[in-house]
Amino acid sequence: MLTFDRQGLVPAVIIDDSTGEVLMVAFMNEEAYQKTRETGYTHFFSRSRNTIWRKGEQSGNVQQVRDMFINCEENSLLISVSQEGGAACHEGYRSCYYRRILPDGSYETIMERVFDPQMIYHQPTTLSSESEEFPIAIDSSLNELSENRTEYREKMIDSVQQHQIEQQLEPLMRQLYDAYLYLRDHDMSEQSNTSRLLQDNSPTYLVSRLSDELQELIGVLHGEHIHSGQTPDTVLEGSQVGYWLFLLASTYYLRYDDFLPHEAMLEGYNGQWSEAKALEQWQECVNLLSTHQQVVIAQGMRLGFSFIGWACAVSKVSLLAPVEYDVEQMRRKGLIH
């Protein structure tokens, strides 16, 4: 349950939904918090005016809430928003953090002004009703922000981006697997090599090709298998490993829920495996997929997709990248719309 301080307030860090950029920090009381949840737009409490205000009520630069997070101590909020109008700061900048502190203590403006506050508010900006009212003394849950803003921002961005990836990965992979099943159930061999491979129904050949692609993905990570560079090559070879895995899953008539590849990729990505363990997973994957028992094959599938996730983590590649690459190939062929 959200805990408010003695003044009935809780700090809220507002970040951009698409970039993770910190836009502002302001306070909410319980009423502002409830209005934010009910309306889907951020509302805050003004300590100087002792009233609730809706972000953008004067400037029109409203913030549509995309997601809300609570910290471990349940006494601060992280809110991901779609910022309309291009500026969150009442001074006319995209972010309230538009100045860098230089070694001599002076400030350097690092952003361009989006709008002239004098034109919007018709009064000195320091008196604007949309002043963000940063706390004079931020409580313990936000000390990290004031002491090491860069590190705090990076952690928030990583957390939000990871959450967004998790939300997008499953529906994207389900859509992709459906395309493979369609090519299996509809003979389009003349137009599609993928359909031909599925009609041939040769698991031994597919496992052999998968093993080759796994070897090439390892080669990318070692700098031995080079096309364009480690990042694009990880995307390419990761998508190829996924391609042969999905071909095998389709051939063995596995349901998506039998092996849940999105979960497996996340496990590999977050697993912090050593390379030795990753190589063990690779070999075990190939061994399990060489059997003819669906339960065992499903385990092999998960190991294969986990391996892709691990490779993405090593190369610092988004888990979505290899999946989106394969989806785009299917889309070009008219198999995904």
C-alpha atoms as a PDB file:
ATOM      1  CA  MET A   1       0.000   0.000   0.000  1.00  0.00           C
ATOM      2  CA  LEU A   2       1.314   3.439  -0.940  1.00  0.00           C
ATOM      3  CA  THR A   3       2.628   5.305   2.125  1.00  0.00           C
ATOM      4  CA  PHE A   4       2.379   9.101   2.314  1.00  0.00           C
ATOM      5  CA  ASP A   5       4.717  11.190   4.488  1.00  0.00           C
ATOM      6  CA  ARG A   6       3.685  13.262   7.513  1.00  0.00           C
ATOM      7  CA  GLN A   7       2.483  16.021   5.209  1.00  0.00           C
ATOM      8  CA  GLY A   8       0.357  13.542   3.293  1.00  0.00           C
ATOM      9  CA  LEU A   9       2.619  13.635   0.240  1.00  0.00           C
ATOM     10  CA  VAL A  10       4.557  11.193  -1.897  1.00  0.00           C
ATOM     11  CA  PRO A  11       7.222  12.095  -4.518  1.00  0.00           C
ATOM     12  CA  ALA A  12       6.586  10.987  -8.104  1.00  0.00           C
ATOM     13  CA  VAL A  13       9.328  10.655 -10.714  1.00  0.00           C
ATOM     14  CA  ILE A  14       7.905  11.175 -14.212  1.00  0.00           C
ATOM     15  CA  ILE A  15       9.666   9.572 -17.180  1.00  0.00           C
ATOM     16  CA  ASP A  16       9.010   9.448 -20.912  1.00  0.00           C
ATOM     17  CA  ASP A  17       7.390   6.169 -21.941  1.00  0.00           C
ATOM     18  CA  SER A  18       9.280   5.824 -25.217  1.00  0.00           C
ATOM     19  CA  THR A  19      12.785   6.857 -24.121  1.00  0.00           C
ATOM     20  CA  GLY A  20      12.915   6.434 -20.335  1.00  0.00           C
ATOM     21  CA  GLU A  21      14.091  10.054 -20.031  1.00  0.00           C
ATOM     22  CA  VAL A  22      13.419  11.687 -16.657  1.00  0.00           C
ATOM     23  CA  LEU A  23      11.017  14.566 -17.284  1.00  0.00           C
ATOM     24  CA  MET A  24      10.252  15.911 -13.821  1.00  0.00           C
ATOM     25  CA  VAL A  25       9.740  15.185 -10.131  1.00  0.00           C
ATOM     26  CA  ALA A  26       6.693  16.452  -8.241  1.00  0.00           C
ATOM     27  CA  PHE A  27       4.507  15.621  -5.244  1.00  0.00           C
ATOM     28  CA  MET A  28       1.146  13.903  -5.032  1.00  0.00           C
ATOM     29  CA  ASN A  29      -1.235  13.734  -2.122  1.00  0.00           C
ATOM     30  CA  GLU A  30      -3.835  10.974  -1.965  1.00  0.00           C
ATOM     31  CA  GLU A  31      -6.385  12.964  -3.970  1.00  0.00           C
ATOM     32  CA  ALA A  32      -3.889  13.760  -6.738  1.00  0.00           C
ATOM     33  CA  TYR A  33      -2.843  10.108  -6.805  1.00  0.00           C
ATOM     34  CA  GLN A  34      -6.453   8.949  -7.151  1.00  0.00           C
ATOM     35  CA  LYS A  35      -7.201  11.537  -9.854  1.00  0.00           C
ATOM     36  CA  THR A  36      -4.139  10.372 -11.762  1.00  0.00           C
ATOM     37  CA  ARG A  37      -5.355   6.787 -11.641  1.00  0.00           C
ATOM     38  CA  GLU A  38      -8.976   7.629 -12.451  1.00  0.00           C
ATOM     39  CA  THR A  39      -8.340  10.028 -15.339  1.00  0.00           C
ATOM     40  CA  GLY A  40      -5.178   8.548 -16.827  1.00  0.00           C
ATOM     41  CA  TYR A  41      -3.465  11.957 -16.694  1.00  0.00           C
ATOM     42  CA  THR A  42      -0.961  13.141 -14.092  1.00  0.00           C
ATOM     43  CA  HIS A  43      -2.207  15.335 -11.245  1.00  0.00           C
ATOM     44  CA  PHE A  44      -0.013  16.795  -8.520  1.00  0.00           C
ATOM     45  CA  PHE A  45      -0.320  18.713  -5.259  1.00  0.00           C
ATOM     46  CA  SER A  46       1.027  22.262  -5.091  1.00  0.00           C
ATOM     47  CA  ARG A  47       2.525  22.948  -1.673  1.00  0.00           C
ATOM     48  CA  SER A  48       2.809  26.680  -2.322  1.00  0.00           C
ATOM     49  CA  ARG A  49      -0.824  27.030  -3.430  1.00  0.00           C
ATOM     50  CA  ASN A  50      -2.176  24.152  -1.326  1.00  0.00           C
ATOM     51  CA  THR A  51      -4.223  22.779  -4.197  1.00  0.00           C
ATOM     52  CA  ILE A  52      -4.434  19.964  -6.742  1.00  0.00           C
ATOM     53  CA  TRP A  53      -3.294  20.758 -10.271  1.00  0.00           C
ATOM     54  CA  ARG A  54      -3.384  18.793 -13.472  1.00  0.00           C
ATOM     55  CA  LYS A  55      -0.160  18.803 -15.452  1.00  0.00           C
ATOM     56  CA  GLY A  56      -0.700  20.847 -18.616  1.00  0.00           C
ATOM     57  CA  GLU A  57      -3.804  22.676 -17.407  1.00  0.00           C
ATOM     58  CA  GLN A  58      -2.324  25.970 -18.609  1.00  0.00           C
ATOM     59  CA  SER A  59       0.206  24.974 -21.247  1.00  0.00           C
ATOM     60  CA  GLY A  60      -1.739  22.079 -22.756  1.00  0.00           C
ATOM     61  CA  ASN A  61       1.315  19.855 -22.288  1.00  0.00           C
ATOM     62  CA  VAL A  62      -0.588  17.104 -20.528  1.00  0.00           C
ATOM     63  CA  GLN A  63       0.912  13.766 -19.539  1.00  0.00           C
ATOM     64  CA  GLN A  64      -1.007  10.612 -20.398  1.00  0.00           C
ATOM     65  CA  VAL A  65      -0.127   7.815 -17.995  1.00  0.00           C
ATOM     66  CA  ARG A  66       1.212   4.645 -19.604  1.00  0.00           C
ATOM     67  CA  ASP A  67       2.393   2.781 -16.520  1.00  0.00           C
ATOM     68  CA  MET A  68       2.909   3.285 -12.791  1.00  0.00           C
ATOM     69  CA  PHE A  69       5.508   1.692 -10.515  1.00  0.00           C
ATOM     70  CA  ILE A  70       6.040   1.776  -6.762  1.00  0.00           C
ATOM     71  CA  ASN A  71       9.393   1.460  -4.989  1.00  0.00           C
ATOM     72  CA  CYS A  72      10.395  -1.246  -2.506  1.00  0.00           C
ATOM     73  CA  GLU A  73       9.555   0.946   0.514  1.00  0.00           C
ATOM     74  CA  GLU A  74       6.181   1.897  -1.002  1.00  0.00           C
ATOM     75  CA  ASN A  75       6.826   5.602  -0.443  1.00  0.00           C
ATOM     76  CA  SER A  76       7.615   6.918  -3.926  1.00  0.00           C
ATOM     77  CA  LEU A  77       6.260   6.494  -7.453  1.00  0.00           C
ATOM     78  CA  LEU A  78       7.764   6.095 -10.898  1.00  0.00           C
ATOM     79  CA  ILE A  79       5.260   7.048 -13.599  1.00  0.00           C
ATOM     80  CA  SER A  80       5.803   6.431 -17.301  1.00  0.00           C
ATOM     81  CA  VAL A  81       3.916   8.925 -19.483  1.00  0.00           C
ATOM     82  CA  SER A  82       3.314  10.059 -23.018  1.00  0.00           C
ATOM     83  CA  GLN A  83       4.283  13.729 -22.888  1.00  0.00           C
ATOM     84  CA  GLU A  84       2.115  15.842 -25.161  1.00  0.00           C
ATOM     85  CA  GLY A  85       3.376  19.153 -26.500  1.00  0.00           C
ATOM     86  CA  GLY A  86       7.015  18.150 -26.291  1.00  0.00           C
ATOM     87  CA  ALA A  87       7.800  19.869 -22.980  1.00  0.00           C
ATOM     88  CA  ALA A  88       7.317  18.862 -19.351  1.00  0.00           C
ATOM     89  CA  CYS A  89       9.133  21.765 -17.719  1.00  0.00           C
ATOM     90  CA  HIS A  90       7.318  25.045 -16.990  1.00  0.00           C
ATOM     91  CA  GLU A  91      10.486  26.799 -18.173  1.00  0.00           C
ATOM     92  CA  GLY A  92       9.717  25.540 -21.676  1.00  0.00           C
ATOM     93  CA  TYR A  93      12.166  22.630 -21.865  1.00  0.00           C
ATOM     94  CA  ARG A  94      11.388  18.997 -22.562  1.00  0.00           C
ATOM     95  CA  SER A  95      12.764  17.924 -19.181  1.00  0.00           C
ATOM     96  CA  CYS A  96      13.182  19.826 -15.943  1.00  0.00           C
ATOM     97  CA  TYR A  97      16.732  18.471 -15.947  1.00  0.00           C
ATOM     98  CA  TYR A  98      17.848  20.671 -18.817  1.00  0.00           C
ATOM     99  CA  ARG A  99      21.025  21.938 -17.122  1.00  0.00           C
ATOM    100  CA  ARG A 100      24.276  20.168 -16.354  1.00  0.00           C
ATOM    101  CA  ILE A 101      26.310  21.113 -13.265  1.00  0.00           C
ATOM    102  CA  LEU A 102      29.885  21.911 -14.287  1.00  0.00           C
ATOM    103  CA  PRO A 103      32.967  21.300 -12.097  1.00  0.00           C
ATOM    104  CA  ASP A 104      33.070  24.973 -11.068  1.00  0.00           C
ATOM    105  CA  GLY A 105      29.465  24.794  -9.863  1.00  0.00           C
ATOM    106  CA  SER A 106      27.998  26.759 -12.763  1.00  0.00           C
ATOM    107  CA  TYR A 107      25.186  25.457 -14.979  1.00  0.00           C
ATOM    108  CA  GLU A 108      25.270  24.555 -18.658  1.00  0.00           C
ATOM    109  CA  THR A 109      21.977  24.401 -20.584  1.00  0.00           C
ATOM    110  CA  ILE A 110      22.002  21.200 -22.648  1.00  0.00           C
ATOM    111  CA  MET A 111      18.522  21.337 -24.214  1.00  0.00           C
ATOM    112  CA  GLU A 112      16.697  23.667 -26.557  1.00  0.00           C
ATOM    113  CA  ARG A 113      13.584  25.455 -25.381  1.00  0.00           C
ATOM    114  CA  VAL A 114      10.407  24.015 -26.851  1.00  0.00           C
ATOM    115  CA  PHE A 115       8.227  27.023 -26.023  1.00  0.00           C
ATOM    116  CA  ASP A 116       8.495  30.506 -24.517  1.00  0.00           C
ATOM    117  CA  PRO A 117       6.945  30.364 -21.019  1.00  0.00           C
ATOM    118  CA  GLN A 118       6.161  34.095 -21.133  1.00  0.00           C
ATOM    119  CA  MET A 119       3.893  33.463 -24.113  1.00  0.00           C
ATOM    120  CA  ILE A 120       2.140  30.548 -22.404  1.00  0.00           C
ATOM    121  CA  TYR A 121       1.752  31.754 -18.834  1.00  0.00           C
ATOM    122  CA  HIS A 122       1.872  35.551 -19.357  1.00  0.00           C
ATOM    123  CA  GLN A 123       3.782  35.855 -16.091  1.00  0.00           C
ATOM    124  CA  PRO A 124       7.250  35.149 -14.666  1.00  0.00           C
ATOM    125  CA  THR A 125       7.928  31.435 -14.916  1.00  0.00           C
ATOM    126  CA  THR A 126       8.770  31.111 -11.240  1.00  0.00           C
ATOM    127  CA  LEU A 127       5.126  31.923 -10.432  1.00  0.00           C
ATOM    128  CA  SER A 128       3.618  29.511 -12.919  1.00  0.00           C
ATOM    129  CA  SER A 129       0.958  27.141 -11.654  1.00  0.00           C
ATOM    130  CA  GLU A 130       2.841  24.428 -13.495  1.00  0.00           C
ATOM    131  CA  SER A 131       6.045  24.856 -11.539  1.00  0.00           C
ATOM    132  CA  GLU A 132       7.281  21.357 -10.769  1.00  0.00           C
ATOM    133  CA  GLU A 133       7.982  22.143  -7.115  1.00  0.00           C
ATOM    134  CA  PHE A 134      10.987  19.963  -6.515  1.00  0.00           C
ATOM    135  CA  PRO A 135      11.345  18.875  -2.896  1.00  0.00           C
ATOM    136  CA  ILE A 136      13.855  20.816  -0.836  1.00  0.00           C
ATOM    137  CA  ALA A 137      14.843  17.664   1.021  1.00  0.00           C
ATOM    138  CA  ILE A 138      14.114  14.483  -0.886  1.00  0.00           C
ATOM    139  CA  ASP A 139      13.327  11.534   1.378  1.00  0.00           C
ATOM    140  CA  SER A 140      15.469   8.413   1.630  1.00  0.00           C
ATOM    141  CA  SER A 141      13.748   6.673  -1.269  1.00  0.00           C
ATOM    142  CA  LEU A 142      14.984   9.377  -3.651  1.00  0.00           C
ATOM    143  CA  ASN A 143      18.401  10.079  -2.154  1.00  0.00           C
ATOM    144  CA  GLU A 144      19.937   8.159  -5.005  1.00  0.00           C
ATOM    145  CA  LEU A 145      18.452  10.655  -7.443  1.00  0.00           C
ATOM    146  CA  SER A 146      20.066  13.643  -5.753  1.00  0.00           C
ATOM    147  CA  GLU A 147      23.377  11.924  -4.960  1.00  0.00           C
ATOM    148  CA  ASN A 148      23.906  10.146  -8.238  1.00  0.00           C
ATOM    149  CA  ARG A 149      21.322  11.241 -10.785  1.00  0.00           C
ATOM    150  CA  THR A 150      22.967   9.506 -13.712  1.00  0.00           C
ATOM    151  CA  GLU A 151      23.071   6.105 -12.032  1.00  0.00           C
ATOM    152  CA  TYR A 152      19.499   6.465 -10.786  1.00  0.00           C
ATOM    153  CA  ARG A 153      18.245   7.482 -14.222  1.00  0.00           C
ATOM    154  CA  GLU A 154      19.989   4.539 -15.876  1.00  0.00           C
ATOM    155  CA  LYS A 155      18.406   2.122 -13.411  1.00  0.00           C
ATOM    156  CA  MET A 156      14.948   3.559 -14.027  1.00  0.00           C
ATOM    157  CA  ILE A 157      15.397   3.439 -17.786  1.00  0.00           C
ATOM    158  CA  ASP A 158      16.617  -0.163 -17.631  1.00  0.00           C
ATOM    159  CA  SER A 159      13.693  -1.160 -15.421  1.00  0.00           C
ATOM    160  CA  VAL A 160      11.060   0.483 -17.580  1.00  0.00           C
ATOM    161  CA  GLN A 161      12.565  -0.702 -20.852  1.00  0.00           C
ATOM    162  CA  GLN A 162      12.788  -4.252 -19.522  1.00  0.00           C
ATOM    163  CA  HIS A 163       9.131  -4.088 -18.504  1.00  0.00           C
ATOM    164  CA  GLN A 164       8.157  -2.814 -21.950  1.00  0.00           C
ATOM    165  CA  ILE A 165      10.142  -5.562 -23.656  1.00  0.00           C
ATOM    166  CA  GLU A 166       8.466  -8.219 -21.527  1.00  0.00           C
ATOM    167  CA  GLN A 167       5.049  -6.841 -22.466  1.00  0.00           C
ATOM    168  CA  GLN A 168       5.826  -6.832 -26.201  1.00  0.00           C
ATOM    169  CA  LEU A 169       7.808 -10.055 -26.505  1.00  0.00           C
ATOM    170  CA  GLU A 170       5.076 -12.641 -25.903  1.00  0.00           C
ATOM    171  CA  PRO A 171       2.430 -11.317 -28.350  1.00  0.00           C
ATOM    172  CA  LEU A 172       5.100 -10.784 -30.996  1.00  0.00           C
ATOM    173  CA  MET A 173       6.433 -14.332 -30.648  1.00  0.00           C
ATOM    174  CA  ARG A 174       2.946 -15.843 -30.606  1.00  0.00           C
ATOM    175  CA  GLN A 175       2.161 -13.999 -33.823  1.00  0.00           C
ATOM    176  CA  LEU A 176       5.401 -15.232 -35.344  1.00  0.00           C
ATOM    177  CA  TYR A 177       4.819 -18.859 -34.363  1.00  0.00           C
ATOM    178  CA  ASP A 178       1.312 -18.709 -35.831  1.00  0.00           C
ATOM    179  CA  ALA A 179       2.909 -17.866 -39.186  1.00  0.00           C
ATOM    180  CA  TYR A 180       5.053 -21.018 -38.991  1.00  0.00           C
ATOM    181  CA  LEU A 181       2.004 -23.119 -38.140  1.00  0.00           C
ATOM    182  CA  TYR A 182       0.164 -21.646 -41.109  1.00  0.00           C
ATOM    183  CA  LEU A 183       3.026 -22.586 -43.427  1.00  0.00           C
ATOM    184  CA  ARG A 184       3.001 -26.092 -41.974  1.00  0.00           C
ATOM    185  CA  ASP A 185      -0.744 -26.544 -42.430  1.00  0.00           C
ATOM    186  CA  HIS A 186      -0.901 -24.934 -45.890  1.00  0.00           C
ATOM    187  CA  ASP A 187       1.457 -26.245 -48.538  1.00  0.00           C
ATOM    188  CA  MET A 188       3.051 -23.141 -50.029  1.00  0.00           C
ATOM    189  CA  SER A 189       6.256 -24.891 -51.055  1.00  0.00           C
ATOM    190  CA  GLU A 190       6.399 -23.173 -54.434  1.00  0.00           C
ATOM    191  CA  GLN A 191       6.363 -19.714 -52.846  1.00  0.00           C
ATOM    192  CA  SER A 192       8.027 -20.397 -49.494  1.00  0.00           C
ATOM    193  CA  ASN A 193      11.158 -22.352 -48.650  1.00  0.00           C
ATOM    194  CA  THR A 194      10.000 -22.367 -45.030  1.00  0.00           C
ATOM    195  CA  SER A 195       6.787 -24.118 -46.030  1.00  0.00           C
ATOM    196  CA  ARG A 196       8.786 -26.611 -48.104  1.00  0.00           C
ATOM    197  CA  LEU A 197      10.981 -27.444 -45.101  1.00  0.00           C
ATOM    198  CA  LEU A 198       7.880 -27.997 -42.997  1.00  0.00           C
ATOM    199  CA  GLN A 199       6.291 -30.212 -45.650  1.00  0.00           C
ATOM    200  CA  ASP A 200       9.491 -32.282 -45.880  1.00  0.00           C
ATOM    201  CA  ASN A 201       9.091 -33.095 -42.166  1.00  0.00           C
ATOM    202  CA  SER A 202      12.756 -33.930 -41.577  1.00  0.00           C
ATOM    203  CA  PRO A 203      13.608 -33.248 -37.906  1.00  0.00           C
ATOM    204  CA  THR A 204      17.113 -34.698 -38.267  1.00  0.00           C
ATOM    205  CA  TYR A 205      17.982 -32.163 -40.954  1.00  0.00           C
ATOM    206  CA  LEU A 206      16.442 -29.317 -38.949  1.00  0.00           C
ATOM    207  CA  VAL A 207      18.418 -30.231 -35.817  1.00  0.00           C
ATOM    208  CA  SER A 208      21.601 -30.336 -37.899  1.00  0.00           C
ATOM    209  CA  ARG A 209      20.947 -26.856 -39.288  1.00  0.00           C
ATOM    210  CA  LEU A 210      20.061 -25.560 -35.833  1.00  0.00           C
ATOM    211  CA  SER A 211      23.362 -26.860 -34.478  1.00  0.00           C
ATOM    212  CA  ASP A 212      25.195 -25.015 -37.266  1.00  0.00           C
ATOM    213  CA  GLU A 213      23.395 -21.757 -36.453  1.00  0.00           C
ATOM    214  CA  LEU A 214      24.133 -22.115 -32.744  1.00  0.00           C
ATOM    215  CA  GLN A 215      27.795 -22.544 -33.647  1.00  0.00           C
ATOM    216  CA  GLU A 216      27.682 -19.401 -35.776  1.00  0.00           C
ATOM    217  CA  LEU A 217      26.053 -17.429 -32.964  1.00  0.00           C
ATOM    218  CA  ILE A 218      28.884 -18.468 -30.648  1.00  0.00           C
ATOM    219  CA  GLY A 219      31.295 -17.413 -33.388  1.00  0.00           C
ATOM    220  CA  VAL A 220      29.719 -13.949 -33.435  1.00  0.00           C
ATOM    221  CA  LEU A 221      30.266 -13.557 -29.694  1.00  0.00           C
ATOM    222  CA  HIS A 222      33.889 -14.659 -30.071  1.00  0.00           C
ATOM    223  CA  GLY A 223      34.467 -12.276 -32.977  1.00  0.00           C
ATOM    224  CA  GLU A 224      35.173 -15.225 -35.291  1.00  0.00           C
ATOM    225  CA  HIS A 225      31.986 -15.091 -37.386  1.00  0.00           C
ATOM    226  CA  ILE A 226      31.678 -11.568 -38.749  1.00  0.00           C
ATOM    227  CA  HIS A 227      29.231  -9.997 -41.188  1.00  0.00           C
ATOM    228  CA  SER A 228      28.621  -6.403 -40.101  1.00  0.00           C
ATOM    229  CA  GLY A 229      29.632  -6.236 -36.434  1.00  0.00           C
ATOM    230  CA  GLN A 230      28.728  -7.937 -33.170  1.00  0.00           C
ATOM    231  CA  THR A 231      25.411  -6.160 -32.568  1.00  0.00           C
ATOM    232  CA  PRO A 232      23.820  -6.644 -36.023  1.00  0.00           C
ATOM    233  CA  ASP A 233      25.369 -10.107 -36.326  1.00  0.00           C
ATOM    234  CA  THR A 234      23.863 -11.156 -32.984  1.00  0.00           C
ATOM    235  CA  VAL A 235      20.466 -10.005 -34.240  1.00  0.00           C
ATOM    236  CA  LEU A 236      20.912 -11.889 -37.521  1.00  0.00           C
ATOM    237  CA  GLU A 237      22.237 -15.140 -36.075  1.00  0.00           C
ATOM    238  CA  GLY A 238      19.872 -14.980 -33.100  1.00  0.00           C
ATOM    239  CA  SER A 239      16.945 -14.741 -35.510  1.00  0.00           C
ATOM    240  CA  GLN A 240      18.346 -17.692 -37.470  1.00  0.00           C
ATOM    241  CA  VAL A 241      18.546 -19.843 -34.340  1.00  0.00           C
ATOM    242  CA  GLY A 242      14.953 -18.869 -33.552  1.00  0.00           C
ATOM    243  CA  TYR A 243      13.960 -19.720 -37.132  1.00  0.00           C
ATOM    244  CA  TRP A 244      15.197 -23.308 -36.916  1.00  0.00           C
ATOM    245  CA  LEU A 245      13.775 -23.730 -33.424  1.00  0.00           C
ATOM    246  CA  PHE A 246      10.330 -22.637 -34.603  1.00  0.00           C
ATOM    247  CA  LEU A 247      10.609 -24.962 -37.609  1.00  0.00           C
ATOM    248  CA  LEU A 248      11.315 -27.857 -35.252  1.00  0.00           C
ATOM    249  CA  ALA A 249       8.519 -26.892 -32.874  1.00  0.00           C
ATOM    250  CA  SER A 250       6.091 -26.759 -35.803  1.00  0.00           C
ATOM    251  CA  THR A 251       7.322 -30.092 -37.160  1.00  0.00           C
ATOM    252  CA  TYR A 252       6.800 -31.737 -33.779  1.00  0.00           C
ATOM    253  CA  TYR A 253       3.331 -30.153 -33.484  1.00  0.00           C
ATOM    254  CA  LEU A 254       4.159 -28.357 -30.260  1.00  0.00           C
ATOM    255  CA  ARG A 255       1.756 -25.730 -29.007  1.00  0.00           C
ATOM    256  CA  TYR A 256       3.222 -22.359 -28.123  1.00  0.00           C
ATOM    257  CA  ASP A 257       2.270 -22.917 -24.484  1.00  0.00           C
ATOM    258  CA  ASP A 258       4.218 -26.188 -24.462  1.00  0.00           C
ATOM    259  CA  PHE A 259       7.539 -24.345 -24.517  1.00  0.00           C
ATOM    260  CA  LEU A 260       6.796 -20.605 -23.972  1.00  0.00           C
ATOM    261  CA  PRO A 261       9.818 -19.262 -25.882  1.00  0.00           C
ATOM    262  CA  HIS A 262       9.406 -15.687 -24.621  1.00  0.00           C
ATOM    263  CA  GLU A 263       9.858 -16.877 -21.034  1.00  0.00           C
ATOM    264  CA  ALA A 264      12.892 -18.911 -22.043  1.00  0.00           C
ATOM    265  CA  MET A 265      14.500 -15.908 -23.758  1.00  0.00           C
ATOM    266  CA  LEU A 266      13.954 -13.791 -20.655  1.00  0.00           C
ATOM    267  CA  GLU A 267      15.490 -16.504 -18.475  1.00  0.00           C
ATOM    268  CA  GLY A 268      18.581 -16.611 -20.660  1.00  0.00           C
ATOM    269  CA  TYR A 269      18.818 -12.831 -20.810  1.00  0.00           C
ATOM    270  CA  ASN A 270      18.580 -12.402 -17.049  1.00  0.00           C
ATOM    271  CA  GLY A 271      20.444 -15.574 -16.108  1.00  0.00           C
ATOM    272  CA  GLN A 272      23.988 -14.143 -16.062  1.00  0.00           C
ATOM    273  CA  TRP A 273      25.358 -17.455 -17.291  1.00  0.00           C
ATOM    274  CA  SER A 274      29.041 -18.128 -17.664  1.00  0.00           C
ATOM    275  CA  GLU A 275      30.121 -19.035 -21.176  1.00  0.00           C
ATOM    276  CA  ALA A 276      30.819 -22.576 -20.000  1.00  0.00           C
ATOM    277  CA  LYS A 277      27.232 -22.950 -18.815  1.00  0.00           C
ATOM    278  CA  ALA A 278      25.907 -21.444 -22.046  1.00  0.00           C
ATOM    279  CA  LEU A 279      27.863 -23.992 -24.076  1.00  0.00           C
ATOM    280  CA  GLU A 280      26.469 -26.784 -21.898  1.00  0.00           C
ATOM    281  CA  GLN A 281      22.956 -25.471 -22.550  1.00  0.00           C
ATOM    282  CA  TRP A 282      23.645 -25.429 -26.274  1.00  0.00           C
ATOM    283  CA  GLN A 283      24.806 -29.056 -26.347  1.00  0.00           C
ATOM    284  CA  GLU A 284      21.945 -30.189 -24.127  1.00  0.00           C
ATOM    285  CA  CYS A 285      19.498 -28.349 -26.395  1.00  0.00           C
ATOM    286  CA  VAL A 286      20.709 -30.271 -29.455  1.00  0.00           C
ATOM    287  CA  ASN A 287      20.649 -33.583 -27.564  1.00  0.00           C
ATOM    288  CA  LEU A 288      17.097 -33.100 -26.307  1.00  0.00           C
ATOM    289  CA  LEU A 289      15.809 -32.040 -29.721  1.00  0.00           C
ATOM    290  CA  SER A 290      17.201 -35.237 -31.222  1.00  0.00           C
ATOM    291  CA  THR A 291      14.736 -37.345 -29.237  1.00  0.00           C
ATOM    292  CA  HIS A 292      11.149 -38.126 -30.217  1.00  0.00           C
ATOM    293  CA  GLN A 293       9.381 -37.311 -26.959  1.00  0.00           C
ATOM    294  CA  GLN A 294       7.391 -34.090 -27.017  1.00  0.00           C
ATOM    295  CA  VAL A 295       7.984 -33.246 -23.354  1.00  0.00           C
ATOM    296  CA  VAL A 296      11.740 -33.641 -23.779  1.00  0.00           C
ATOM    297  CA  ILE A 297      11.683 -31.731 -27.069  1.00  0.00           C
ATOM    298  CA  ALA A 298       9.848 -28.861 -25.360  1.00  0.00           C
ATOM    299  CA  GLN A 299      12.668 -28.715 -22.797  1.00  0.00           C
ATOM    300  CA  GLY A 300      15.184 -28.551 -25.624  1.00  0.00           C
ATOM    301  CA  MET A 301      13.212 -25.716 -27.206  1.00  0.00           C
ATOM    302  CA  ARG A 302      13.399 -23.701 -24.014  1.00  0.00           C
ATOM    303  CA  LEU A 303      17.162 -24.225 -23.797  1.00  0.00           C
ATOM    304  CA  GLY A 304      17.546 -23.039 -27.384  1.00  0.00           C
ATOM    305  CA  PHE A 305      15.547 -19.869 -26.847  1.00  0.00           C
ATOM    306  CA  SER A 306      17.339 -19.285 -23.536  1.00  0.00           C
ATOM    307  CA  PHE A 307      20.588 -19.412 -25.483  1.00  0.00           C
ATOM    308  CA  ILE A 308      19.330 -16.620 -27.761  1.00  0.00           C
ATOM    309  CA  GLY A 309      18.470 -14.560 -24.679  1.00  0.00           C
ATOM    310  CA  TRP A 310      21.927 -15.129 -23.225  1.00  0.00           C
ATOM    311  CA  ALA A 311      23.590 -14.077 -26.493  1.00  0.00           C
ATOM    312  CA  CYS A 312      21.494 -10.891 -26.555  1.00  0.00           C
ATOM    313  CA  ALA A 313      22.595 -10.085 -23.009  1.00  0.00           C
ATOM    314  CA  VAL A 314      26.264 -10.634 -23.870  1.00  0.00           C
ATOM    315  CA  SER A 315      26.014  -8.362 -26.925  1.00  0.00           C
ATOM    316  CA  LYS A 316      23.709  -5.879 -25.141  1.00  0.00           C
ATOM    317  CA  VAL A 317      21.041  -6.396 -27.788  1.00  0.00           C
ATOM    318  CA  SER A 318      17.328  -5.987 -27.107  1.00  0.00           C
ATOM    319  CA  LEU A 319      15.479  -9.293 -26.866  1.00  0.00           C
ATOM    320  CA  LEU A 320      12.976  -7.887 -29.337  1.00  0.00           C
ATOM    321  CA  ALA A 321      15.576  -7.335 -32.064  1.00  0.00           C
ATOM    322  CA  PRO A 322      16.027 -10.915 -33.373  1.00  0.00           C
ATOM    323  CA  VAL A 323      12.286 -11.571 -33.085  1.00  0.00           C
ATOM    324  CA  GLU A 324      11.406  -8.364 -34.926  1.00  0.00           C
ATOM    325  CA  TYR A 325      13.917  -9.294 -37.633  1.00  0.00           C
ATOM    326  CA  ASP A 326      12.119 -12.605 -38.257  1.00  0.00           C
ATOM    327  CA  VAL A 327       8.702 -10.933 -38.069  1.00  0.00           C
ATOM    328  CA  GLU A 328       9.790  -8.431 -40.712  1.00  0.00           C
ATOM    329  CA  GLN A 329      10.836 -11.274 -43.023  1.00  0.00           C
ATOM    330  CA  MET A 330       7.406 -12.866 -42.604  1.00  0.00           C
ATOM    331  CA  ARG A 331       5.704  -9.516 -43.113  1.00  0.00           C
ATOM    332  CA  ARG A 332       7.498  -8.952 -46.406  1.00  0.00           C
ATOM    333  CA  LYS A 333       6.151 -12.288 -47.591  1.00  0.00           C
ATOM    334  CA  GLY A 334       2.626 -11.301 -46.588  1.00  0.00           C
ATOM    335  CA  LEU A 335       2.400 -13.916 -43.837  1.00  0.00           C
ATOM    336  CA  ILE A 336       2.076 -11.384 -41.006  1.00  0.00           C
ATOM    337  CA  HIS A 337       0.055  -8.201 -41.277  1.00  0.00           C
END
